Amino acid sequence: MAERMELPKHAFSAFFERIGDDRRLLPTHIGLVAALFYHHDCDNPHGHFHASRRKLMRFSRIRSIATYHKCLSELVAYGYLEYRPSWHPAKGSRFRFIIHGEGGING
């Protein structure tokens, strides 16, 4: 079994605390964040990763494409995520978590 690189404990701690404190976010937003986190690259927490709408909707239990896009656009607008859509069926769209490091700069 291949060993997985361990992230520093604090890499996503502040990010998830920010999400937990944000009263604008609903359970659908949290589900989508969980799905995105599942698909992100653990070896590169600050880098871009790809995921398809179909997989994200299935994992997050979002059934409506309109709800998916609403939650996604709000996560982008609220500063939690970068998103570049793709219409390539195999590649998926490109995402990146916006994780603020110490001193308030983007990590």
PDB file of N, CA and C in Angstrom:
ATOM      1  N   MET A   1       0.846  -1.174   0.000  1.00  0.00           N
ATOM      2  CA  MET A   1       0.000   0.000   0.000  1.00  0.00           C
ATOM      3  C   MET A   1       0.894   1.241   0.000  1.00  0.00           C
ATOM      4  N   ALA A   2       0.637   2.146  -0.898  1.00  0.00           N
ATOM      5  CA  ALA A   2       1.442   3.366  -1.011  1.00  0.00           C
ATOM      6  C   ALA A   2       1.127   4.301   0.147  1.00  0.00           C
ATOM      7  N   GLU A   3       2.172   4.922   0.678  1.00  0.00           N
ATOM      8  CA  GLU A   3       1.960   5.886   1.756  1.00  0.00           C
ATOM      9  C   GLU A   3       1.468   7.187   1.183  1.00  0.00           C
ATOM     10  N   ARG A   4       0.595   7.818   1.893  1.00  0.00           N
ATOM     11  CA  ARG A   4       0.041   9.102   1.478  1.00  0.00           C
ATOM     12  C   ARG A   4       0.729  10.207   2.238  1.00  0.00           C
ATOM     13  N   MET A   5       1.073  11.266   1.538  1.00  0.00           N
ATOM     14  CA  MET A   5       1.732  12.386   2.191  1.00  0.00           C
ATOM     15  C   MET A   5       0.772  13.038   3.182  1.00  0.00           C
ATOM     16  N   GLU A   6       1.220  13.234   4.408  1.00  0.00           N
ATOM     17  CA  GLU A   6       0.402  13.859   5.435  1.00  0.00           C
ATOM     18  C   GLU A   6       0.485  15.379   5.303  1.00  0.00           C
ATOM     19  N   LEU A   7      -0.666  16.024   5.252  1.00  0.00           N
ATOM     20  CA  LEU A   7      -0.707  17.481   5.213  1.00  0.00           C
ATOM     21  C   LEU A   7      -0.492  18.028   6.613  1.00  0.00           C
ATOM     22  N   PRO A   8       0.105  19.190   6.719  1.00  0.00           N
ATOM     23  CA  PRO A   8       0.162  19.807   8.042  1.00  0.00           C
ATOM     24  C   PRO A   8      -1.269  19.983   8.558  1.00  0.00           C
ATOM     25  N   LYS A   9      -1.457  19.797   9.834  1.00  0.00           N
ATOM     26  CA  LYS A   9      -2.797  19.842  10.417  1.00  0.00           C
ATOM     27  C   LYS A   9      -3.516  21.153  10.115  1.00  0.00           C
ATOM     28  N   HIS A  10      -2.785  22.230  10.016  1.00  0.00           N
ATOM     29  CA  HIS A  10      -3.394  23.537   9.853  1.00  0.00           C
ATOM     30  C   HIS A  10      -3.695  23.905   8.408  1.00  0.00           C
ATOM     31  N   ALA A  11      -3.331  23.078   7.430  1.00  0.00           N
ATOM     32  CA  ALA A  11      -3.495  23.443   6.023  1.00  0.00           C
ATOM     33  C   ALA A  11      -4.931  23.834   5.681  1.00  0.00           C
ATOM     34  N   PHE A  12      -5.898  23.071   6.164  1.00  0.00           N
ATOM     35  CA  PHE A  12      -7.292  23.366   5.867  1.00  0.00           C
ATOM     36  C   PHE A  12      -8.073  23.791   7.102  1.00  0.00           C
ATOM     37  N   SER A  13      -7.453  23.810   8.273  1.00  0.00           N
ATOM     38  CA  SER A  13      -8.164  24.128   9.507  1.00  0.00           C
ATOM     39  C   SER A  13      -8.848  25.487   9.436  1.00  0.00           C
ATOM     40  N   ALA A  14      -8.100  26.522   9.086  1.00  0.00           N
ATOM     41  CA  ALA A  14      -8.672  27.874   9.019  1.00  0.00           C
ATOM     42  C   ALA A  14      -9.745  27.955   7.929  1.00  0.00           C
ATOM     43  N   PHE A  15      -9.524  27.251   6.824  1.00  0.00           N
ATOM     44  CA  PHE A  15     -10.483  27.235   5.723  1.00  0.00           C
ATOM     45  C   PHE A  15     -11.824  26.684   6.210  1.00  0.00           C
ATOM     46  N   PHE A  16     -11.793  25.531   6.902  1.00  0.00           N
ATOM     47  CA  PHE A  16     -13.035  24.920   7.373  1.00  0.00           C
ATOM     48  C   PHE A  16     -13.650  25.707   8.525  1.00  0.00           C
ATOM     49  N   GLU A  17     -12.840  26.348   9.342  1.00  0.00           N
ATOM     50  CA  GLU A  17     -13.395  27.213  10.391  1.00  0.00           C
ATOM     51  C   GLU A  17     -14.130  28.397   9.770  1.00  0.00           C
ATOM     52  N   ARG A  18     -13.544  28.971   8.704  1.00  0.00           N
ATOM     53  CA  ARG A  18     -14.191  30.072   7.982  1.00  0.00           C
ATOM     54  C   ARG A  18     -15.546  29.634   7.441  1.00  0.00           C
ATOM     55  N   ILE A  19     -15.579  28.443   6.856  1.00  0.00           N
ATOM     56  CA  ILE A  19     -16.827  27.911   6.303  1.00  0.00           C
ATOM     57  C   ILE A  19     -17.846  27.689   7.413  1.00  0.00           C
ATOM     58  N   GLY A  20     -17.396  27.123   8.533  1.00  0.00           N
ATOM     59  CA  GLY A  20     -18.290  26.853   9.649  1.00  0.00           C
ATOM     60  C   GLY A  20     -18.881  28.110  10.260  1.00  0.00           C
ATOM     61  N   ASP A  21     -18.151  29.208  10.202  1.00  0.00           N
ATOM     62  CA  ASP A  21     -18.621  30.466  10.776  1.00  0.00           C
ATOM     63  C   ASP A  21     -19.452  31.309   9.813  1.00  0.00           C
ATOM     64  N   ASP A  22     -19.478  30.940   8.556  1.00  0.00           N
ATOM     65  CA  ASP A  22     -20.163  31.734   7.534  1.00  0.00           C
ATOM     66  C   ASP A  22     -21.641  31.358   7.490  1.00  0.00           C
ATOM     67  N   ARG A  23     -22.490  32.237   7.995  1.00  0.00           N
ATOM     68  CA  ARG A  23     -23.927  31.966   8.074  1.00  0.00           C
ATOM     69  C   ARG A  23     -24.621  31.997   6.710  1.00  0.00           C
ATOM     70  N   ARG A  24     -23.938  32.458   5.671  1.00  0.00           N
ATOM     71  CA  ARG A  24     -24.528  32.464   4.330  1.00  0.00           C
ATOM     72  C   ARG A  24     -24.582  31.055   3.737  1.00  0.00           C
ATOM     73  N   LEU A  25     -23.728  30.167   4.227  1.00  0.00           N
ATOM     74  CA  LEU A  25     -23.617  28.836   3.638  1.00  0.00           C
ATOM     75  C   LEU A  25     -24.667  27.884   4.190  1.00  0.00           C
ATOM     76  N   LEU A  26     -25.266  27.147   3.283  1.00  0.00           N
ATOM     77  CA  LEU A  26     -26.305  26.165   3.596  1.00  0.00           C
ATOM     78  C   LEU A  26     -25.709  24.755   3.509  1.00  0.00           C
ATOM     79  N   PRO A  27     -26.443  23.750   3.940  1.00  0.00           N
ATOM     80  CA  PRO A  27     -25.936  22.376   3.836  1.00  0.00           C
ATOM     81  C   PRO A  27     -25.533  21.979   2.414  1.00  0.00           C
ATOM     82  N   THR A  28     -26.193  22.529   1.399  1.00  0.00           N
ATOM     83  CA  THR A  28     -25.804  22.207   0.022  1.00  0.00           C
ATOM     84  C   THR A  28     -24.406  22.741  -0.288  1.00  0.00           C
ATOM     85  N   HIS A  29     -24.058  23.922   0.231  1.00  0.00           N
ATOM     86  CA  HIS A  29     -22.704  24.460   0.041  1.00  0.00           C
ATOM     87  C   HIS A  29     -21.680  23.546   0.720  1.00  0.00           C
ATOM     88  N   ILE A  30     -21.992  23.134   1.945  1.00  0.00           N
ATOM     89  CA  ILE A  30     -21.078  22.288   2.712  1.00  0.00           C
ATOM     90  C   ILE A  30     -20.890  20.946   2.003  1.00  0.00           C
ATOM     91  N   GLY A  31     -21.968  20.392   1.474  1.00  0.00           N
ATOM     92  CA  GLY A  31     -21.869  19.141   0.721  1.00  0.00           C
ATOM     93  C   GLY A  31     -20.997  19.290  -0.511  1.00  0.00           C
ATOM     94  N   LEU A  32     -21.133  20.405  -1.206  1.00  0.00           N
ATOM     95  CA  LEU A  32     -20.317  20.641  -2.387  1.00  0.00           C
ATOM     96  C   LEU A  32     -18.851  20.824  -2.008  1.00  0.00           C
ATOM     97  N   VAL A  33     -18.584  21.527  -0.918  1.00  0.00           N
ATOM     98  CA  VAL A  33     -17.200  21.686  -0.445  1.00  0.00           C
ATOM     99  C   VAL A  33     -16.620  20.321  -0.097  1.00  0.00           C
ATOM    100  N   ALA A  34     -17.407  19.467   0.559  1.00  0.00           N
ATOM    101  CA  ALA A  34     -16.941  18.120   0.899  1.00  0.00           C
ATOM    102  C   ALA A  34     -16.607  17.322  -0.361  1.00  0.00           C
ATOM    103  N   ALA A  35     -17.445  17.429  -1.375  1.00  0.00           N
ATOM    104  CA  ALA A  35     -17.196  16.728  -2.634  1.00  0.00           C
ATOM    105  C   ALA A  35     -15.934  17.258  -3.306  1.00  0.00           C
ATOM    106  N   LEU A  36     -15.759  18.566  -3.302  1.00  0.00           N
ATOM    107  CA  LEU A  36     -14.556  19.165  -3.888  1.00  0.00           C
ATOM    108  C   LEU A  36     -13.310  18.740  -3.111  1.00  0.00           C
ATOM    109  N   PHE A  37     -13.401  18.740  -1.794  1.00  0.00           N
ATOM    110  CA  PHE A  37     -12.279  18.337  -0.959  1.00  0.00           C
ATOM    111  C   PHE A  37     -11.904  16.886  -1.247  1.00  0.00           C
ATOM    112  N   TYR A  38     -12.892  16.028  -1.444  1.00  0.00           N
ATOM    113  CA  TYR A  38     -12.659  14.628  -1.768  1.00  0.00           C
ATOM    114  C   TYR A  38     -11.885  14.477  -3.074  1.00  0.00           C
ATOM    115  N   HIS A  39     -12.160  15.344  -4.047  1.00  0.00           N
ATOM    116  CA  HIS A  39     -11.534  15.248  -5.359  1.00  0.00           C
ATOM    117  C   HIS A  39     -10.241  16.053  -5.497  1.00  0.00           C
ATOM    118  N   HIS A  40      -9.879  16.845  -4.495  1.00  0.00           N
ATOM    119  CA  HIS A  40      -8.676  17.661  -4.634  1.00  0.00           C
ATOM    120  C   HIS A  40      -7.418  16.812  -4.480  1.00  0.00           C
ATOM    121  N   ASP A  41      -6.287  17.370  -4.850  1.00  0.00           N
ATOM    122  CA  ASP A  41      -4.991  16.690  -4.805  1.00  0.00           C
ATOM    123  C   ASP A  41      -4.375  16.883  -3.422  1.00  0.00           C
ATOM    124  N   CYS A  42      -4.355  15.837  -2.624  1.00  0.00           N
ATOM    125  CA  CYS A  42      -3.824  15.926  -1.252  1.00  0.00           C
ATOM    126  C   CYS A  42      -2.355  16.330  -1.236  1.00  0.00           C
ATOM    127  N   ASP A  43      -1.624  15.994  -2.276  1.00  0.00           N
ATOM    128  CA  ASP A  43      -0.199  16.320  -2.320  1.00  0.00           C
ATOM    129  C   ASP A  43       0.052  17.787  -2.628  1.00  0.00           C
ATOM    130  N   ASN A  44      -0.956  18.470  -3.132  1.00  0.00           N
ATOM    131  CA  ASN A  44      -0.810  19.875  -3.498  1.00  0.00           C
ATOM    132  C   ASN A  44      -2.074  20.635  -3.085  1.00  0.00           C
ATOM    133  N   PRO A  45      -2.229  20.942  -1.786  1.00  0.00           N
ATOM    134  CA  PRO A  45      -3.480  21.551  -1.328  1.00  0.00           C
ATOM    135  C   PRO A  45      -3.755  22.935  -1.897  1.00  0.00           C
ATOM    136  N   HIS A  46      -2.727  23.618  -2.386  1.00  0.00           N
ATOM    137  CA  HIS A  46      -2.912  24.968  -2.917  1.00  0.00           C
ATOM    138  C   HIS A  46      -3.022  24.989  -4.441  1.00  0.00           C
ATOM    139  N   GLY A  47      -2.915  23.824  -5.061  1.00  0.00           N
ATOM    140  CA  GLY A  47      -2.914  23.759  -6.514  1.00  0.00           C
ATOM    141  C   GLY A  47      -4.280  23.509  -7.112  1.00  0.00           C
ATOM    142  N   HIS A  48      -4.334  23.540  -8.422  1.00  0.00           N
ATOM    143  CA  HIS A  48      -5.568  23.301  -9.168  1.00  0.00           C
ATOM    144  C   HIS A  48      -5.830  21.802  -9.252  1.00  0.00           C
ATOM    145  N   PHE A  49      -7.090  21.455  -9.371  1.00  0.00           N
ATOM    146  CA  PHE A  49      -7.489  20.067  -9.569  1.00  0.00           C
ATOM    147  C   PHE A  49      -8.721  20.060 -10.463  1.00  0.00           C
ATOM    148  N   HIS A  50      -9.016  18.908 -11.031  1.00  0.00           N
ATOM    149  CA  HIS A  50     -10.146  18.777 -11.949  1.00  0.00           C
ATOM    150  C   HIS A  50     -11.188  17.839 -11.358  1.00  0.00           C
ATOM    151  N   ALA A  51     -12.437  18.152 -11.621  1.00  0.00           N
ATOM    152  CA  ALA A  51     -13.556  17.300 -11.211  1.00  0.00           C
ATOM    153  C   ALA A  51     -14.736  17.585 -12.129  1.00  0.00           C
ATOM    154  N   SER A  52     -15.525  16.564 -12.347  1.00  0.00           N
ATOM    155  CA  SER A  52     -16.690  16.735 -13.214  1.00  0.00           C
ATOM    156  C   SER A  52     -17.934  17.081 -12.386  1.00  0.00           C
ATOM    157  N   ARG A  53     -18.833  17.815 -13.011  1.00  0.00           N
ATOM    158  CA  ARG A  53     -20.088  18.182 -12.368  1.00  0.00           C
ATOM    159  C   ARG A  53     -20.839  16.935 -11.939  1.00  0.00           C
ATOM    160  N   ARG A  54     -20.859  15.955 -12.760  1.00  0.00           N
ATOM    161  CA  ARG A  54     -21.591  14.713 -12.473  1.00  0.00           C
ATOM    162  C   ARG A  54     -21.090  14.066 -11.181  1.00  0.00           C
ATOM    163  N   LYS A  55     -19.781  13.957 -11.034  1.00  0.00           N
ATOM    164  CA  LYS A  55     -19.211  13.343  -9.827  1.00  0.00           C
ATOM    165  C   LYS A  55     -19.450  14.214  -8.594  1.00  0.00           C
ATOM    166  N   LEU A  56     -19.308  15.522  -8.755  1.00  0.00           N
ATOM    167  CA  LEU A  56     -19.510  16.420  -7.619  1.00  0.00           C
ATOM    168  C   LEU A  56     -20.964  16.407  -7.161  1.00  0.00           C
ATOM    169  N   MET A  57     -21.882  16.394  -8.099  1.00  0.00           N
ATOM    170  CA  MET A  57     -23.299  16.366  -7.744  1.00  0.00           C
ATOM    171  C   MET A  57     -23.655  15.052  -7.058  1.00  0.00           C
ATOM    172  N   ARG A  58     -23.113  13.957  -7.546  1.00  0.00           N
ATOM    173  CA  ARG A  58     -23.408  12.655  -6.949  1.00  0.00           C
ATOM    174  C   ARG A  58     -22.881  12.590  -5.517  1.00  0.00           C
ATOM    175  N   PHE A  59     -21.640  13.025  -5.309  1.00  0.00           N
ATOM    176  CA  PHE A  59     -21.020  12.964  -3.985  1.00  0.00           C
ATOM    177  C   PHE A  59     -21.705  13.908  -2.999  1.00  0.00           C
ATOM    178  N   SER A  60     -22.083  15.097  -3.461  1.00  0.00           N
ATOM    179  CA  SER A  60     -22.670  16.099  -2.570  1.00  0.00           C
ATOM    180  C   SER A  60     -24.174  15.918  -2.380  1.00  0.00           C
ATOM    181  N   ARG A  61     -24.771  14.987  -3.110  1.00  0.00           N
ATOM    182  CA  ARG A  61     -26.209  14.716  -3.057  1.00  0.00           C
ATOM    183  C   ARG A  61     -27.058  15.883  -3.565  1.00  0.00           C
ATOM    184  N   ILE A  62     -26.467  16.706  -4.412  1.00  0.00           N
ATOM    185  CA  ILE A  62     -27.221  17.787  -5.052  1.00  0.00           C
ATOM    186  C   ILE A  62     -27.862  17.199  -6.307  1.00  0.00           C
ATOM    187  N   ARG A  63     -29.158  17.323  -6.426  1.00  0.00           N
ATOM    188  CA  ARG A  63     -29.869  16.694  -7.543  1.00  0.00           C
ATOM    189  C   ARG A  63     -30.188  17.654  -8.685  1.00  0.00           C
ATOM    190  N   SER A  64     -30.161  18.937  -8.419  1.00  0.00           N
ATOM    191  CA  SER A  64     -30.535  19.922  -9.421  1.00  0.00           C
ATOM    192  C   SER A  64     -29.288  20.624  -9.967  1.00  0.00           C
ATOM    193  N   ILE A  65     -29.184  20.697 -11.287  1.00  0.00           N
ATOM    194  CA  ILE A  65     -28.057  21.396 -11.906  1.00  0.00           C
ATOM    195  C   ILE A  65     -28.097  22.876 -11.530  1.00  0.00           C
ATOM    196  N   ALA A  66     -29.298  23.447 -11.432  1.00  0.00           N
ATOM    197  CA  ALA A  66     -29.422  24.856 -11.044  1.00  0.00           C
ATOM    198  C   ALA A  66     -28.884  25.077  -9.626  1.00  0.00           C
ATOM    199  N   THR A  67     -29.191  24.180  -8.705  1.00  0.00           N
ATOM    200  CA  THR A  67     -28.692  24.298  -7.332  1.00  0.00           C
ATOM    201  C   THR A  67     -27.183  24.146  -7.300  1.00  0.00           C
ATOM    202  N   TYR A  68     -26.655  23.192  -8.065  1.00  0.00           N
ATOM    203  CA  TYR A  68     -25.202  22.996  -8.149  1.00  0.00           C
ATOM    204  C   TYR A  68     -24.519  24.281  -8.600  1.00  0.00           C
ATOM    205  N   HIS A  69     -25.004  24.881  -9.677  1.00  0.00           N
ATOM    206  CA  HIS A  69     -24.378  26.089 -10.203  1.00  0.00           C
ATOM    207  C   HIS A  69     -24.555  27.283  -9.256  1.00  0.00           C
ATOM    208  N   LYS A  70     -25.683  27.365  -8.594  1.00  0.00           N
ATOM    209  CA  LYS A  70     -25.905  28.439  -7.627  1.00  0.00           C
ATOM    210  C   LYS A  70     -24.909  28.323  -6.474  1.00  0.00           C
ATOM    211  N   CYS A  71     -24.780  27.132  -5.910  1.00  0.00           N
ATOM    212  CA  CYS A  71     -23.839  26.926  -4.795  1.00  0.00           C
ATOM    213  C   CYS A  71     -22.402  27.179  -5.239  1.00  0.00           C
ATOM    214  N   LEU A  72     -22.056  26.685  -6.412  1.00  0.00           N
ATOM    215  CA  LEU A  72     -20.701  26.866  -6.922  1.00  0.00           C
ATOM    216  C   LEU A  72     -20.395  28.345  -7.141  1.00  0.00           C
ATOM    217  N   SER A  73     -21.319  29.069  -7.766  1.00  0.00           N
ATOM    218  CA  SER A  73     -21.071  30.489  -8.023  1.00  0.00           C
ATOM    219  C   SER A  73     -20.997  31.279  -6.718  1.00  0.00           C
ATOM    220  N   GLU A  74     -21.780  30.885  -5.713  1.00  0.00           N
ATOM    221  CA  GLU A  74     -21.698  31.564  -4.420  1.00  0.00           C
ATOM    222  C   GLU A  74     -20.383  31.261  -3.708  1.00  0.00           C
ATOM    223  N   LEU A  75     -19.895  30.036  -3.774  1.00  0.00           N
ATOM    224  CA  LEU A  75     -18.599  29.707  -3.166  1.00  0.00           C
ATOM    225  C   LEU A  75     -17.476  30.514  -3.820  1.00  0.00           C
ATOM    226  N   VAL A  76     -17.579  30.726  -5.118  1.00  0.00           N
ATOM    227  CA  VAL A  76     -16.600  31.557  -5.824  1.00  0.00           C
ATOM    228  C   VAL A  76     -16.742  33.010  -5.379  1.00  0.00           C
ATOM    229  N   ALA A  77     -17.969  33.517  -5.363  1.00  0.00           N
ATOM    230  CA  ALA A  77     -18.217  34.910  -4.985  1.00  0.00           C
ATOM    231  C   ALA A  77     -17.800  35.195  -3.548  1.00  0.00           C
ATOM    232  N   TYR A  78     -17.953  34.217  -2.656  1.00  0.00           N
ATOM    233  CA  TYR A  78     -17.601  34.398  -1.249  1.00  0.00           C
ATOM    234  C   TYR A  78     -16.103  34.218  -0.987  1.00  0.00           C
ATOM    235  N   GLY A  79     -15.346  33.856  -2.023  1.00  0.00           N
ATOM    236  CA  GLY A  79     -13.902  33.766  -1.887  1.00  0.00           C
ATOM    237  C   GLY A  79     -13.362  32.451  -1.358  1.00  0.00           C
ATOM    238  N   TYR A  80     -14.103  31.371  -1.515  1.00  0.00           N
ATOM    239  CA  TYR A  80     -13.647  30.069  -1.052  1.00  0.00           C
ATOM    240  C   TYR A  80     -12.991  29.237  -2.149  1.00  0.00           C
ATOM    241  N   LEU A  81     -13.243  29.603  -3.402  1.00  0.00           N
ATOM    242  CA  LEU A  81     -12.909  28.715  -4.504  1.00  0.00           C
ATOM    243  C   LEU A  81     -12.637  29.496  -5.774  1.00  0.00           C
ATOM    244  N   GLU A  82     -11.694  29.003  -6.561  1.00  0.00           N
ATOM    245  CA  GLU A  82     -11.519  29.460  -7.945  1.00  0.00           C
ATOM    246  C   GLU A  82     -12.093  28.358  -8.831  1.00  0.00           C
ATOM    247  N   TYR A  83     -12.696  28.771  -9.940  1.00  0.00           N
ATOM    248  CA  TYR A  83     -13.393  27.822 -10.803  1.00  0.00           C
ATOM    249  C   TYR A  83     -13.226  28.234 -12.258  1.00  0.00           C
ATOM    250  N   ARG A  84     -12.824  27.295 -13.068  1.00  0.00           N
ATOM    251  CA  ARG A  84     -12.769  27.513 -14.516  1.00  0.00           C
ATOM    252  C   ARG A  84     -13.541  26.369 -15.173  1.00  0.00           C
ATOM    253  N   PRO A  85     -14.695  26.686 -15.762  1.00  0.00           N
ATOM    254  CA  PRO A  85     -15.519  25.620 -16.351  1.00  0.00           C
ATOM    255  C   PRO A  85     -14.849  24.966 -17.556  1.00  0.00           C
ATOM    256  N   SER A  86     -15.211  23.721 -17.761  1.00  0.00           N
ATOM    257  CA  SER A  86     -14.741  22.976 -18.920  1.00  0.00           C
ATOM    258  C   SER A  86     -15.913  22.173 -19.457  1.00  0.00           C
ATOM    259  N   TRP A  87     -15.993  22.072 -20.735  1.00  0.00           N
ATOM    260  CA  TRP A  87     -17.049  21.281 -21.337  1.00  0.00           C
ATOM    261  C   TRP A  87     -16.494  19.984 -21.893  1.00  0.00           C
ATOM    262  N   HIS A  88     -15.265  19.666 -21.520  1.00  0.00           N
ATOM    263  CA  HIS A  88     -14.646  18.400 -21.924  1.00  0.00           C
ATOM    264  C   HIS A  88     -15.178  17.308 -20.992  1.00  0.00           C
ATOM    265  N   PRO A  89     -15.847  16.293 -21.543  1.00  0.00           N
ATOM    266  CA  PRO A  89     -16.518  15.308 -20.683  1.00  0.00           C
ATOM    267  C   PRO A  89     -15.576  14.486 -19.803  1.00  0.00           C
ATOM    268  N   ALA A  90     -14.369  14.246 -20.238  1.00  0.00           N
ATOM    269  CA  ALA A  90     -13.452  13.411 -19.454  1.00  0.00           C
ATOM    270  C   ALA A  90     -12.585  14.225 -18.498  1.00  0.00           C
ATOM    271  N   LYS A  91     -12.270  15.450 -18.865  1.00  0.00           N
ATOM    272  CA  LYS A  91     -11.346  16.237 -18.060  1.00  0.00           C
ATOM    273  C   LYS A  91     -12.009  16.883 -16.845  1.00  0.00           C
ATOM    274  N   GLY A  92     -13.171  17.418 -16.980  1.00  0.00           N
ATOM    275  CA  GLY A  92     -13.847  18.102 -15.884  1.00  0.00           C
ATOM    276  C   GLY A  92     -13.382  19.536 -15.750  1.00  0.00           C
ATOM    277  N   SER A  93     -14.066  20.274 -14.928  1.00  0.00           N
ATOM    278  CA  SER A  93     -13.726  21.678 -14.702  1.00  0.00           C
ATOM    279  C   SER A  93     -12.524  21.776 -13.769  1.00  0.00           C
ATOM    280  N   ARG A  94     -11.907  22.963 -13.771  1.00  0.00           N
ATOM    281  CA  ARG A  94     -10.718  23.185 -12.950  1.00  0.00           C
ATOM    282  C   ARG A  94     -11.091  24.010 -11.723  1.00  0.00           C
ATOM    283  N   PHE A  95     -10.619  23.575 -10.576  1.00  0.00           N
ATOM    284  CA  PHE A  95     -10.912  24.214  -9.304  1.00  0.00           C
ATOM    285  C   PHE A  95      -9.626  24.451  -8.530  1.00  0.00           C
ATOM    286  N   ARG A  96      -9.701  25.378  -7.586  1.00  0.00           N
ATOM    287  CA  ARG A  96      -8.626  25.575  -6.613  1.00  0.00           C
ATOM    288  C   ARG A  96      -9.235  26.201  -5.376  1.00  0.00           C
ATOM    289  N   PHE A  97      -8.937  25.602  -4.220  1.00  0.00           N
ATOM    290  CA  PHE A  97      -9.377  26.184  -2.960  1.00  0.00           C
ATOM    291  C   PHE A  97      -8.571  27.445  -2.691  1.00  0.00           C
ATOM    292  N   ILE A  98      -9.220  28.458  -2.169  1.00  0.00           N
ATOM    293  CA  ILE A  98      -8.527  29.672  -1.757  1.00  0.00           C
ATOM    294  C   ILE A  98      -8.295  29.550  -0.261  1.00  0.00           C
ATOM    295  N   ILE A  99      -7.066  29.170   0.083  1.00  0.00           N
ATOM    296  CA  ILE A  99      -6.684  28.942   1.470  1.00  0.00           C
ATOM    297  C   ILE A  99      -5.774  30.082   1.870  1.00  0.00           C
ATOM    298  N   HIS A 100      -6.182  30.813   2.877  1.00  0.00           N
ATOM    299  CA  HIS A 100      -5.388  31.946   3.337  1.00  0.00           C
ATOM    300  C   HIS A 100      -4.369  31.459   4.344  1.00  0.00           C
ATOM    301  N   GLY A 101      -3.100  31.814   4.090  1.00  0.00           N
ATOM    302  CA  GLY A 101      -2.025  31.445   4.996  1.00  0.00           C
ATOM    303  C   GLY A 101      -1.864  32.466   6.100  1.00  0.00           C
ATOM    304  N   GLU A 102      -0.828  32.333   6.841  1.00  0.00           N
ATOM    305  CA  GLU A 102      -0.576  33.256   7.943  1.00  0.00           C
ATOM    306  C   GLU A 102      -0.385  34.661   7.402  1.00  0.00           C
ATOM    307  N   GLY A 103      -0.852  35.610   8.136  1.00  0.00           N
ATOM    308  CA  GLY A 103      -0.731  37.004   7.728  1.00  0.00           C
ATOM    309  C   GLY A 103      -1.775  37.432   6.714  1.00  0.00           C
ATOM    310  N   GLY A 104      -2.769  36.528   6.423  1.00  0.00           N
ATOM    311  CA  GLY A 104      -3.855  36.897   5.536  1.00  0.00           C
ATOM    312  C   GLY A 104      -3.518  36.835   4.059  1.00  0.00           C
ATOM    313  N   ILE A 105      -2.382  36.255   3.693  1.00  0.00           N
ATOM    314  CA  ILE A 105      -2.059  36.114   2.275  1.00  0.00           C
ATOM    315  C   ILE A 105      -2.494  34.741   1.802  1.00  0.00           C
ATOM    316  N   ASN A 106      -2.749  34.611   0.545  1.00  0.00           N
ATOM    317  CA  ASN A 106      -3.144  33.346  -0.014  1.00  0.00           C
ATOM    318  C   ASN A 106      -1.960  32.400  -0.004  1.00  0.00           C
ATOM    319  N   GLY A 107      -2.152  31.233   0.609  1.00  0.00           N
ATOM    320  CA  GLY A 107      -1.096  30.278   0.817  1.00  0.00           C
ATOM    321  C   GLY A 107      -0.582  29.772  -0.437  1.00  0.00           C
TER     322      GLY A 107
END
